[in-house]
Amino acid sequence: MRLDRERASSNIEDRRGRAFSGRNMGIGGIVIALIAMYFGVDPALVTNVVDPQPSATSTAPPADDPASQFVAKVLGSTEDVWNTAFQQSGGNYREPRLVLFTGATLTACGTGQSAMGPFYCPGDEAIYIDLSFYEQLQSRFNAPGDFAQAYVIAHEVGHHVQHLLGTDKRLQGAEFSGGNKGANSNSVRMELQADCYAGVWANRADEARQILEQGDVEEALNAASAIGDDALQRQTQGTVVPDSFTHGTSQQRATWFKKGLESGDPAQCDTFTQGRL
C-alpha cells in the first residue's frame, strides 16, 4: 500500500499508555457490550463492568511513531474521499476523531475495551482502536498486511458515514427489514454496508492517488473473511449459529467490500433493500 502521497489527518487523539484497570469481560459480555454501544447505551449498564481508573505508571509512545503515522494517513485518505463524496451529493462531511488507546478507555458510549476490537461510537463521533488488534489480525486471524489494517479503519469510518446519513437512527426505529425480521438481521446489514463503504474508499483513493499495490485487495478480502461471524464462531465455540450473527459471514463481508471496491459508488452499498445478502 502506497501512502507517501497521503496527508496525515489531524483528527487523531493518542491515549496510549494511559493504562486502565477494571474487570475484563468474557466473550459473551463483549458481544453484549458491542450491541449496547452500537445503540448508544453505556455497556457498563448491561455488563456490570466497573469504570476503569487511570494508572500513574504508564508511559505513552511517541505521537510520531510509524503505527500512529500509518493510522493518521489512512484516516486522512478517508477524509479526502468522503469530503468529496458528500460534496458531490450536496452535503457536508463531518470528519470523525480516531482515538488510539491501550487496554480500556472511556467513550461517550461507555467503557471501551481492547477486547472488543476497533469500534465506532456515534455518541462522540469517534473511532476507537487499540493497535494491538493489528497483531491479533495477523497472528490469530491470519490476515496480515498493511491494507488489511487500512480496511479495518475504513470499515469503522463507514459506520461514521452511516451515522451522518442517519442510517443508524432509522435502524433504531426498525424501519429496515430487508425481507427479514430481528435486530441481528439489521445489524448484519449495517456491518455489510460499512464493508461496502470501505470498498468505495479504496476505489476512490486509488483512482485519485494510486494507493493500491499488488496483493492489497487480496489482503483486504482475506481480512474481511477472517472476521466473518461464521469464522469467528468456529474459532471461539466450534459451532456456527446463524441466528446470532451480527456482522455477516466471511463470504458476505468479502462480497460487499468487493462491490464497493469495484463500483466506487456509495449508492451500490444499499444492503437494506436486498432480499438476500
C-alpha atoms as a PDB file:
ATOM      1  CA  MET A   1       0.000   0.000   0.000  1.00  0.00           C
ATOM      2  CA  ARG A   2       1.426   3.390  -1.003  1.00  0.00           C
ATOM      3  CA  LEU A   3       0.771   6.201   1.464  1.00  0.00           C
ATOM      4  CA  ASP A   4       3.633   8.524   0.568  1.00  0.00           C
ATOM      5  CA  ARG A   5       1.264  10.945  -1.166  1.00  0.00           C
ATOM      6  CA  GLU A   6      -1.385  10.821   1.543  1.00  0.00           C
ATOM      7  CA  ARG A   7      -1.635  13.573   4.141  1.00  0.00           C
ATOM      8  CA  ALA A   8      -1.838  12.710   7.827  1.00  0.00           C
ATOM      9  CA  SER A   9      -5.127  13.573   9.494  1.00  0.00           C
ATOM     10  CA  SER A  10      -5.052  15.930  12.433  1.00  0.00           C
ATOM     11  CA  ASN A  11      -8.134  14.246  13.929  1.00  0.00           C
ATOM     12  CA  ILE A  12      -6.087  11.789  15.991  1.00  0.00           C
ATOM     13  CA  GLU A  13      -6.209  11.589  19.762  1.00  0.00           C
ATOM     14  CA  ASP A  14      -3.479   9.451  21.304  1.00  0.00           C
ATOM     15  CA  ARG A  15      -4.413   7.970  24.684  1.00  0.00           C
ATOM     16  CA  ARG A  16      -1.940   5.107  24.511  1.00  0.00           C
ATOM     17  CA  GLY A  17      -0.035   4.468  27.671  1.00  0.00           C
ATOM     18  CA  ARG A  18      -2.881   5.648  29.854  1.00  0.00           C
ATOM     19  CA  ALA A  19      -3.428   2.198  31.288  1.00  0.00           C
ATOM     20  CA  PHE A  20      -6.736   1.426  32.926  1.00  0.00           C
ATOM     21  CA  SER A  21      -7.775  -1.137  35.487  1.00  0.00           C
ATOM     22  CA  GLY A  22     -11.179  -2.782  35.560  1.00  0.00           C
ATOM     23  CA  ARG A  23     -12.824  -6.151  35.325  1.00  0.00           C
ATOM     24  CA  ASN A  24     -12.343  -7.886  31.994  1.00  0.00           C
ATOM     25  CA  MET A  25     -15.360  -9.213  30.118  1.00  0.00           C
ATOM     26  CA  GLY A  26     -15.808 -12.666  28.675  1.00  0.00           C
ATOM     27  CA  ILE A  27     -16.791 -13.307  25.057  1.00  0.00           C
ATOM     28  CA  GLY A  28     -20.499 -13.090  25.878  1.00  0.00           C
ATOM     29  CA  GLY A  29     -20.027  -9.804  27.692  1.00  0.00           C
ATOM     30  CA  ILE A  30     -18.074  -8.365  24.801  1.00  0.00           C
ATOM     31  CA  VAL A  31     -20.841  -9.237  22.352  1.00  0.00           C
ATOM     32  CA  ILE A  32     -23.451  -7.643  24.627  1.00  0.00           C
ATOM     33  CA  ALA A  33     -21.287  -4.569  25.068  1.00  0.00           C
ATOM     34  CA  LEU A  34     -20.781  -4.131  21.330  1.00  0.00           C
ATOM     35  CA  ILE A  35     -24.521  -4.287  20.710  1.00  0.00           C
ATOM     36  CA  ALA A  36     -25.149  -1.834  23.535  1.00  0.00           C
ATOM     37  CA  MET A  37     -22.545   0.591  22.253  1.00  0.00           C
ATOM     38  CA  TYR A  38     -23.996   0.418  18.769  1.00  0.00           C
ATOM     39  CA  PHE A  39     -27.327   1.661  20.083  1.00  0.00           C
ATOM     40  CA  GLY A  40     -25.737   4.343  22.255  1.00  0.00           C
ATOM     41  CA  VAL A  41     -26.175   2.528  25.566  1.00  0.00           C
ATOM     42  CA  ASP A  42     -23.437   2.523  28.196  1.00  0.00           C
ATOM     43  CA  PRO A  43     -22.091  -1.061  28.138  1.00  0.00           C
ATOM     44  CA  ALA A  44     -21.475  -0.842  31.886  1.00  0.00           C
ATOM     45  CA  LEU A  45     -25.221  -0.817  32.396  1.00  0.00           C
ATOM     46  CA  VAL A  46     -25.673  -4.231  30.800  1.00  0.00           C
ATOM     47  CA  THR A  47     -22.359  -5.914  31.649  1.00  0.00           C
ATOM     48  CA  ASN A  48     -21.643  -4.596  35.153  1.00  0.00           C
ATOM     49  CA  VAL A  49     -18.174  -3.603  34.048  1.00  0.00           C
ATOM     50  CA  VAL A  50     -16.541  -1.271  36.527  1.00  0.00           C
ATOM     51  CA  ASP A  51     -15.445   2.066  35.094  1.00  0.00           C
ATOM     52  CA  PRO A  52     -11.662   1.949  34.727  1.00  0.00           C
ATOM     53  CA  GLN A  53      -9.243   4.090  36.636  1.00  0.00           C
ATOM     54  CA  PRO A  54      -6.053   5.542  35.179  1.00  0.00           C
ATOM     55  CA  SER A  55      -2.698   4.122  36.130  1.00  0.00           C
ATOM     56  CA  ALA A  56       0.067   6.519  37.071  1.00  0.00           C
ATOM     57  CA  THR A  57       2.828   4.154  35.931  1.00  0.00           C
ATOM     58  CA  SER A  58       2.076   4.047  32.212  1.00  0.00           C
ATOM     59  CA  THR A  59       4.116   5.750  29.517  1.00  0.00           C
ATOM     60  CA  ALA A  60       2.676   6.810  26.174  1.00  0.00           C
ATOM     61  CA  PRO A  61       4.609   6.024  22.985  1.00  0.00           C
ATOM     62  CA  PRO A  62       5.740   8.948  20.808  1.00  0.00           C
ATOM     63  CA  ALA A  63       2.978  10.542  18.748  1.00  0.00           C
ATOM     64  CA  ASP A  64       5.014  10.279  15.562  1.00  0.00           C
ATOM     65  CA  ASP A  65       5.774   6.549  15.730  1.00  0.00           C
ATOM     66  CA  PRO A  66       5.203   4.584  12.479  1.00  0.00           C
ATOM     67  CA  ALA A  67       1.980   2.967  13.728  1.00  0.00           C
ATOM     68  CA  SER A  68       0.263   6.250  14.552  1.00  0.00           C
ATOM     69  CA  GLN A  69       1.517   7.830  11.330  1.00  0.00           C
ATOM     70  CA  PHE A  70       0.049   4.951   9.334  1.00  0.00           C
ATOM     71  CA  VAL A  71      -3.318   5.350  11.042  1.00  0.00           C
ATOM     72  CA  ALA A  72      -3.240   9.132  10.562  1.00  0.00           C
ATOM     73  CA  LYS A  73      -2.543   8.798   6.841  1.00  0.00           C
ATOM     74  CA  VAL A  74      -5.255   6.218   6.300  1.00  0.00           C
ATOM     75  CA  LEU A  75      -7.722   8.408   8.172  1.00  0.00           C
ATOM     76  CA  GLY A  76      -6.608  11.412   6.135  1.00  0.00           C
ATOM     77  CA  SER A  77      -7.253   9.458   2.958  1.00  0.00           C
ATOM     78  CA  THR A  78     -10.769   8.550   4.095  1.00  0.00           C
ATOM     79  CA  GLU A  79     -11.413  12.198   4.926  1.00  0.00           C
ATOM     80  CA  ASP A  80     -10.436  13.297   1.425  1.00  0.00           C
ATOM     81  CA  VAL A  81     -12.608  10.634  -0.202  1.00  0.00           C
ATOM     82  CA  TRP A  82     -15.726  11.221   1.894  1.00  0.00           C
ATOM     83  CA  ASN A  83     -15.443  15.011   1.863  1.00  0.00           C
ATOM     84  CA  THR A  84     -15.550  14.827  -1.937  1.00  0.00           C
ATOM     85  CA  ALA A  85     -18.345  12.244  -1.986  1.00  0.00           C
ATOM     86  CA  PHE A  86     -20.558  14.304   0.331  1.00  0.00           C
ATOM     87  CA  GLN A  87     -19.886  17.484  -1.651  1.00  0.00           C
ATOM     88  CA  GLN A  88     -20.860  15.720  -4.857  1.00  0.00           C
ATOM     89  CA  SER A  89     -24.196  14.797  -3.311  1.00  0.00           C
ATOM     90  CA  GLY A  90     -24.792  18.287  -1.955  1.00  0.00           C
ATOM     91  CA  GLY A  91     -23.888  17.530   1.643  1.00  0.00           C
ATOM     92  CA  ASN A  92     -21.103  18.260   4.113  1.00  0.00           C
ATOM     93  CA  TYR A  93     -18.888  15.625   5.660  1.00  0.00           C
ATOM     94  CA  ARG A  94     -18.121  15.997   9.356  1.00  0.00           C
ATOM     95  CA  GLU A  95     -14.801  14.306   9.995  1.00  0.00           C
ATOM     96  CA  PRO A  96     -14.623  11.794  12.869  1.00  0.00           C
ATOM     97  CA  ARG A  97     -11.924  11.610  15.511  1.00  0.00           C
ATOM     98  CA  LEU A  98      -9.802   8.496  15.812  1.00  0.00           C
ATOM     99  CA  VAL A  99      -8.696   7.623  19.332  1.00  0.00           C
ATOM    100  CA  LEU A 100      -5.703   5.371  19.936  1.00  0.00           C
ATOM    101  CA  PHE A 101      -5.777   3.654  23.324  1.00  0.00           C
ATOM    102  CA  THR A 102      -4.373   0.707  25.219  1.00  0.00           C
ATOM    103  CA  GLY A 103      -6.409  -1.699  27.306  1.00  0.00           C
ATOM    104  CA  ALA A 104      -9.525   0.342  28.026  1.00  0.00           C
ATOM    105  CA  THR A 105     -10.800   3.871  27.699  1.00  0.00           C
ATOM    106  CA  LEU A 106     -13.871   5.954  28.402  1.00  0.00           C
ATOM    107  CA  THR A 107     -16.124   6.909  25.499  1.00  0.00           C
ATOM    108  CA  ALA A 108     -19.489   8.616  25.064  1.00  0.00           C
ATOM    109  CA  CYS A 109     -20.880   5.083  24.616  1.00  0.00           C
ATOM    110  CA  GLY A 110     -19.439   3.831  27.891  1.00  0.00           C
ATOM    111  CA  THR A 111     -16.248   1.974  28.703  1.00  0.00           C
ATOM    112  CA  GLY A 112     -14.487   0.598  25.655  1.00  0.00           C
ATOM    113  CA  GLN A 113     -12.055  -2.299  25.951  1.00  0.00           C
ATOM    114  CA  SER A 114      -9.436  -3.534  23.535  1.00  0.00           C
ATOM    115  CA  ALA A 115     -11.068  -6.995  23.680  1.00  0.00           C
ATOM    116  CA  MET A 116     -13.968  -5.516  21.720  1.00  0.00           C
ATOM    117  CA  GLY A 117     -11.718  -4.793  18.765  1.00  0.00           C
ATOM    118  CA  PRO A 118     -11.940  -1.485  16.874  1.00  0.00           C
ATOM    119  CA  PHE A 119     -15.313   0.224  17.210  1.00  0.00           C
ATOM    120  CA  TYR A 120     -17.201   3.396  16.333  1.00  0.00           C
ATOM    121  CA  CYS A 121     -19.113   5.398  18.933  1.00  0.00           C
ATOM    122  CA  PRO A 122     -21.870   7.579  17.438  1.00  0.00           C
ATOM    123  CA  GLY A 123     -22.218   9.439  20.742  1.00  0.00           C
ATOM    124  CA  ASP A 124     -18.931  11.277  20.258  1.00  0.00           C
ATOM    125  CA  GLU A 125     -18.440  10.504  16.548  1.00  0.00           C
ATOM    126  CA  ALA A 126     -15.141   8.804  17.258  1.00  0.00           C
ATOM    127  CA  ILE A 127     -13.387   5.629  16.172  1.00  0.00           C
ATOM    128  CA  TYR A 128     -11.522   3.743  18.893  1.00  0.00           C
ATOM    129  CA  ILE A 129      -8.704   1.307  18.271  1.00  0.00           C
ATOM    130  CA  ASP A 130      -6.092  -0.442  20.353  1.00  0.00           C
ATOM    131  CA  LEU A 131      -3.311  -1.069  17.839  1.00  0.00           C
ATOM    132  CA  SER A 132      -2.606  -4.441  19.427  1.00  0.00           C
ATOM    133  CA  PHE A 133      -5.603  -5.573  17.371  1.00  0.00           C
ATOM    134  CA  TYR A 134      -3.359  -5.489  14.312  1.00  0.00           C
ATOM    135  CA  GLU A 135      -1.118  -8.092  15.934  1.00  0.00           C
ATOM    136  CA  GLN A 136      -4.175 -10.284  16.509  1.00  0.00           C
ATOM    137  CA  LEU A 137      -5.284  -9.725  12.930  1.00  0.00           C
ATOM    138  CA  GLN A 138      -2.034 -11.276  11.782  1.00  0.00           C
ATOM    139  CA  SER A 139      -1.389 -13.945  14.408  1.00  0.00           C
ATOM    140  CA  ARG A 140      -4.878 -15.055  15.435  1.00  0.00           C
ATOM    141  CA  PHE A 141      -6.868 -14.378  12.281  1.00  0.00           C
ATOM    142  CA  ASN A 142      -4.070 -14.979   9.767  1.00  0.00           C
ATOM    143  CA  ALA A 143      -4.841 -11.708   7.986  1.00  0.00           C
ATOM    144  CA  PRO A 144      -1.535  -9.826   7.644  1.00  0.00           C
ATOM    145  CA  GLY A 145      -0.736  -6.783   5.539  1.00  0.00           C
ATOM    146  CA  ASP A 146      -0.957  -3.010   5.741  1.00  0.00           C
ATOM    147  CA  PHE A 147      -4.005  -2.834   3.511  1.00  0.00           C
ATOM    148  CA  ALA A 148      -5.830  -5.283   5.770  1.00  0.00           C
ATOM    149  CA  GLN A 149      -5.136  -2.835   8.595  1.00  0.00           C
ATOM    150  CA  ALA A 150      -6.353   0.086   6.496  1.00  0.00           C
ATOM    151  CA  TYR A 151      -9.559  -1.813   5.691  1.00  0.00           C
ATOM    152  CA  VAL A 152     -10.325  -2.051   9.416  1.00  0.00           C
ATOM    153  CA  ILE A 153     -10.152   1.743   9.768  1.00  0.00           C
ATOM    154  CA  ALA A 154     -12.139   2.315   6.571  1.00  0.00           C
ATOM    155  CA  HIS A 155     -14.868  -0.031   7.850  1.00  0.00           C
ATOM    156  CA  GLU A 156     -15.247   1.981  11.059  1.00  0.00           C
ATOM    157  CA  VAL A 157     -15.298   5.195   9.027  1.00  0.00           C
ATOM    158  CA  GLY A 158     -18.111   3.534   7.090  1.00  0.00           C
ATOM    159  CA  HIS A 159     -20.119   3.449  10.317  1.00  0.00           C
ATOM    160  CA  HIS A 160     -19.480   7.175  10.716  1.00  0.00           C
ATOM    161  CA  VAL A 161     -20.826   7.736   7.202  1.00  0.00           C
ATOM    162  CA  GLN A 162     -23.938   5.786   8.181  1.00  0.00           C
ATOM    163  CA  HIS A 163     -24.305   7.952  11.265  1.00  0.00           C
ATOM    164  CA  LEU A 164     -24.067  11.168   9.231  1.00  0.00           C
ATOM    165  CA  LEU A 165     -26.648   9.848   6.782  1.00  0.00           C
ATOM    166  CA  GLY A 166     -28.982   8.863   9.615  1.00  0.00           C
ATOM    167  CA  THR A 167     -28.919   5.176   8.764  1.00  0.00           C
ATOM    168  CA  ASP A 168     -28.239   4.179  12.364  1.00  0.00           C
ATOM    169  CA  LYS A 169     -31.187   6.239  13.602  1.00  0.00           C
ATOM    170  CA  ARG A 170     -33.514   4.570  11.108  1.00  0.00           C
ATOM    171  CA  LEU A 171     -32.217   1.191  12.223  1.00  0.00           C
ATOM    172  CA  GLN A 172     -33.089   2.004  15.819  1.00  0.00           C
ATOM    173  CA  GLY A 173     -36.606   2.801  14.609  1.00  0.00           C
ATOM    174  CA  ALA A 174     -36.772  -0.608  12.919  1.00  0.00           C
ATOM    175  CA  GLU A 175     -37.569   0.977   9.549  1.00  0.00           C
ATOM    176  CA  PHE A 176     -35.462  -1.578   7.707  1.00  0.00           C
ATOM    177  CA  SER A 177     -36.391  -5.200   7.316  1.00  0.00           C
ATOM    178  CA  GLY A 178     -34.930  -6.329   4.010  1.00  0.00           C
ATOM    179  CA  GLY A 179     -37.254  -9.300   3.996  1.00  0.00           C
ATOM    180  CA  ASN A 180     -36.018 -10.446   7.421  1.00  0.00           C
ATOM    181  CA  LYS A 181     -37.050  -9.630  10.955  1.00  0.00           C
ATOM    182  CA  GLY A 182     -34.961  -9.135  14.033  1.00  0.00           C
ATOM    183  CA  ALA A 183     -32.182  -6.877  15.283  1.00  0.00           C
ATOM    184  CA  ASN A 184     -29.485  -9.295  14.183  1.00  0.00           C
ATOM    185  CA  SER A 185     -30.590  -9.063  10.556  1.00  0.00           C
ATOM    186  CA  ASN A 186     -30.412  -5.265  10.569  1.00  0.00           C
ATOM    187  CA  SER A 187     -27.099  -5.331  12.431  1.00  0.00           C
ATOM    188  CA  VAL A 188     -25.641  -7.588   9.736  1.00  0.00           C
ATOM    189  CA  ARG A 189     -26.889  -5.240   7.022  1.00  0.00           C
ATOM    190  CA  MET A 190     -25.297  -2.277   8.771  1.00  0.00           C
ATOM    191  CA  GLU A 191     -21.964  -4.079   9.018  1.00  0.00           C
ATOM    192  CA  LEU A 192     -22.015  -5.218   5.408  1.00  0.00           C
ATOM    193  CA  GLN A 193     -22.833  -1.703   4.255  1.00  0.00           C
ATOM    194  CA  ALA A 194     -19.814  -0.438   6.230  1.00  0.00           C
ATOM    195  CA  ASP A 195     -17.709  -3.070   4.431  1.00  0.00           C
ATOM    196  CA  CYS A 196     -19.043  -1.785   1.123  1.00  0.00           C
ATOM    197  CA  TYR A 197     -18.248   1.812   2.085  1.00  0.00           C
ATOM    198  CA  ALA A 198     -14.701   0.667   2.895  1.00  0.00           C
ATOM    199  CA  GLY A 199     -14.501  -0.664  -0.651  1.00  0.00           C
ATOM    200  CA  VAL A 200     -15.783   2.653  -2.015  1.00  0.00           C
ATOM    201  CA  TRP A 201     -12.976   4.426  -0.170  1.00  0.00           C
ATOM    202  CA  ALA A 202     -10.358   2.060  -1.602  1.00  0.00           C
ATOM    203  CA  ASN A 203     -11.684   2.572  -5.137  1.00  0.00           C
ATOM    204  CA  ARG A 204     -11.706   6.366  -4.950  1.00  0.00           C
ATOM    205  CA  ALA A 205      -8.427   6.712  -3.072  1.00  0.00           C
ATOM    206  CA  ASP A 206      -6.698   4.516  -5.632  1.00  0.00           C
ATOM    207  CA  GLU A 207      -8.252   6.424  -8.509  1.00  0.00           C
ATOM    208  CA  ALA A 208      -7.036   9.716  -7.056  1.00  0.00           C
ATOM    209  CA  ARG A 209      -3.538   8.747  -5.921  1.00  0.00           C
ATOM    210  CA  GLN A 210      -2.892   5.106  -6.825  1.00  0.00           C
ATOM    211  CA  ILE A 211      -2.564   3.769  -3.296  1.00  0.00           C
ATOM    212  CA  LEU A 212      -3.050   0.091  -4.168  1.00  0.00           C
ATOM    213  CA  GLU A 213      -0.169  -2.287  -4.758  1.00  0.00           C
ATOM    214  CA  GLN A 214      -0.195  -5.874  -5.914  1.00  0.00           C
ATOM    215  CA  GLY A 215      -1.775  -8.103  -3.294  1.00  0.00           C
ATOM    216  CA  ASP A 216      -3.531  -5.298  -1.399  1.00  0.00           C
ATOM    217  CA  VAL A 217      -7.032  -6.255  -2.493  1.00  0.00           C
ATOM    218  CA  GLU A 218      -6.396  -9.852  -1.503  1.00  0.00           C
ATOM    219  CA  GLU A 219      -5.243  -8.657   1.943  1.00  0.00           C
ATOM    220  CA  ALA A 220      -8.496  -6.771   2.498  1.00  0.00           C
ATOM    221  CA  LEU A 221     -10.657  -9.637   1.246  1.00  0.00           C
ATOM    222  CA  ASN A 222      -8.757 -12.031   3.491  1.00  0.00           C
ATOM    223  CA  ALA A 223      -9.265  -9.765   6.500  1.00  0.00           C
ATOM    224  CA  ALA A 224     -12.981  -9.391   5.751  1.00  0.00           C
ATOM    225  CA  SER A 225     -13.302 -13.158   5.517  1.00  0.00           C
ATOM    226  CA  ALA A 226     -11.253 -13.807   8.651  1.00  0.00           C
ATOM    227  CA  ILE A 227     -13.563 -11.738  10.852  1.00  0.00           C
ATOM    228  CA  GLY A 228     -16.848 -13.043   9.468  1.00  0.00           C
ATOM    229  CA  ASP A 229     -19.289 -14.275  12.094  1.00  0.00           C
ATOM    230  CA  ASP A 230     -19.082 -17.878  10.925  1.00  0.00           C
ATOM    231  CA  ALA A 231     -15.280 -17.896  11.014  1.00  0.00           C
ATOM    232  CA  LEU A 232     -15.169 -16.302  14.470  1.00  0.00           C
ATOM    233  CA  GLN A 233     -17.777 -18.668  15.887  1.00  0.00           C
ATOM    234  CA  ARG A 234     -15.933 -21.717  14.575  1.00  0.00           C
ATOM    235  CA  GLN A 235     -12.773 -20.443  16.206  1.00  0.00           C
ATOM    236  CA  THR A 236     -14.260 -19.494  19.571  1.00  0.00           C
ATOM    237  CA  GLN A 237     -17.039 -22.028  20.108  1.00  0.00           C
ATOM    238  CA  GLY A 238     -16.602 -24.695  17.459  1.00  0.00           C
ATOM    239  CA  THR A 239     -20.112 -24.315  16.044  1.00  0.00           C
ATOM    240  CA  VAL A 240     -21.892 -21.779  13.843  1.00  0.00           C
ATOM    241  CA  VAL A 241     -25.174 -20.206  14.982  1.00  0.00           C
ATOM    242  CA  PRO A 242     -26.551 -18.079  12.104  1.00  0.00           C
ATOM    243  CA  ASP A 243     -29.335 -16.581  14.227  1.00  0.00           C
ATOM    244  CA  SER A 244     -26.710 -14.893  16.393  1.00  0.00           C
ATOM    245  CA  PHE A 245     -24.794 -13.290  13.511  1.00  0.00           C
ATOM    246  CA  THR A 246     -24.148  -9.565  13.923  1.00  0.00           C
ATOM    247  CA  HIS A 247     -21.593  -8.805  11.190  1.00  0.00           C
ATOM    248  CA  GLY A 248     -22.242 -11.274   8.373  1.00  0.00           C
ATOM    249  CA  THR A 249     -20.497 -14.372   7.076  1.00  0.00           C
ATOM    250  CA  SER A 250     -16.994 -14.381   5.662  1.00  0.00           C
ATOM    251  CA  GLN A 251     -18.374 -14.637   2.142  1.00  0.00           C
ATOM    252  CA  GLN A 252     -20.859 -11.797   2.680  1.00  0.00           C
ATOM    253  CA  ARG A 253     -18.236  -9.460   4.103  1.00  0.00           C
ATOM    254  CA  ALA A 254     -15.819 -10.104   1.259  1.00  0.00           C
ATOM    255  CA  THR A 255     -18.608  -9.792  -1.325  1.00  0.00           C
ATOM    256  CA  TRP A 256     -19.816  -6.413  -0.124  1.00  0.00           C
ATOM    257  CA  PHE A 257     -16.318  -4.981   0.261  1.00  0.00           C
ATOM    258  CA  LYS A 258     -15.620  -6.064  -3.303  1.00  0.00           C
ATOM    259  CA  LYS A 259     -18.874  -4.497  -4.504  1.00  0.00           C
ATOM    260  CA  GLY A 260     -17.828  -1.126  -3.145  1.00  0.00           C
ATOM    261  CA  LEU A 261     -14.295  -1.575  -4.455  1.00  0.00           C
ATOM    262  CA  GLU A 262     -15.437  -2.363  -7.985  1.00  0.00           C
ATOM    263  CA  SER A 263     -18.118   0.326  -8.214  1.00  0.00           C
ATOM    264  CA  GLY A 264     -16.733   3.207  -6.171  1.00  0.00           C
ATOM    265  CA  ASP A 265     -20.379   4.199  -5.797  1.00  0.00           C
ATOM    266  CA  PRO A 266     -21.952   4.557  -2.314  1.00  0.00           C
ATOM    267  CA  ALA A 267     -25.375   4.039  -3.886  1.00  0.00           C
ATOM    268  CA  GLN A 268     -24.354   0.461  -4.657  1.00  0.00           C
ATOM    269  CA  CYS A 269     -23.998  -0.199  -0.921  1.00  0.00           C
ATOM    270  CA  ASP A 270     -27.713  -0.381  -0.131  1.00  0.00           C
ATOM    271  CA  THR A 271     -27.793  -3.621   1.817  1.00  0.00           C
ATOM    272  CA  PHE A 272     -31.234  -2.887   3.222  1.00  0.00           C
ATOM    273  CA  THR A 273     -33.247  -3.440   0.049  1.00  0.00           C
ATOM    274  CA  GLN A 274     -31.549  -6.718  -0.760  1.00  0.00           C
ATOM    275  CA  GLY A 275     -33.637  -9.806  -0.103  1.00  0.00           C
ATOM    276  CA  ARG A 276     -30.523 -11.946   0.038  1.00  0.00           C
ATOM    277  CA  LEU A 277     -27.115 -10.753   1.128  1.00  0.00           C
END
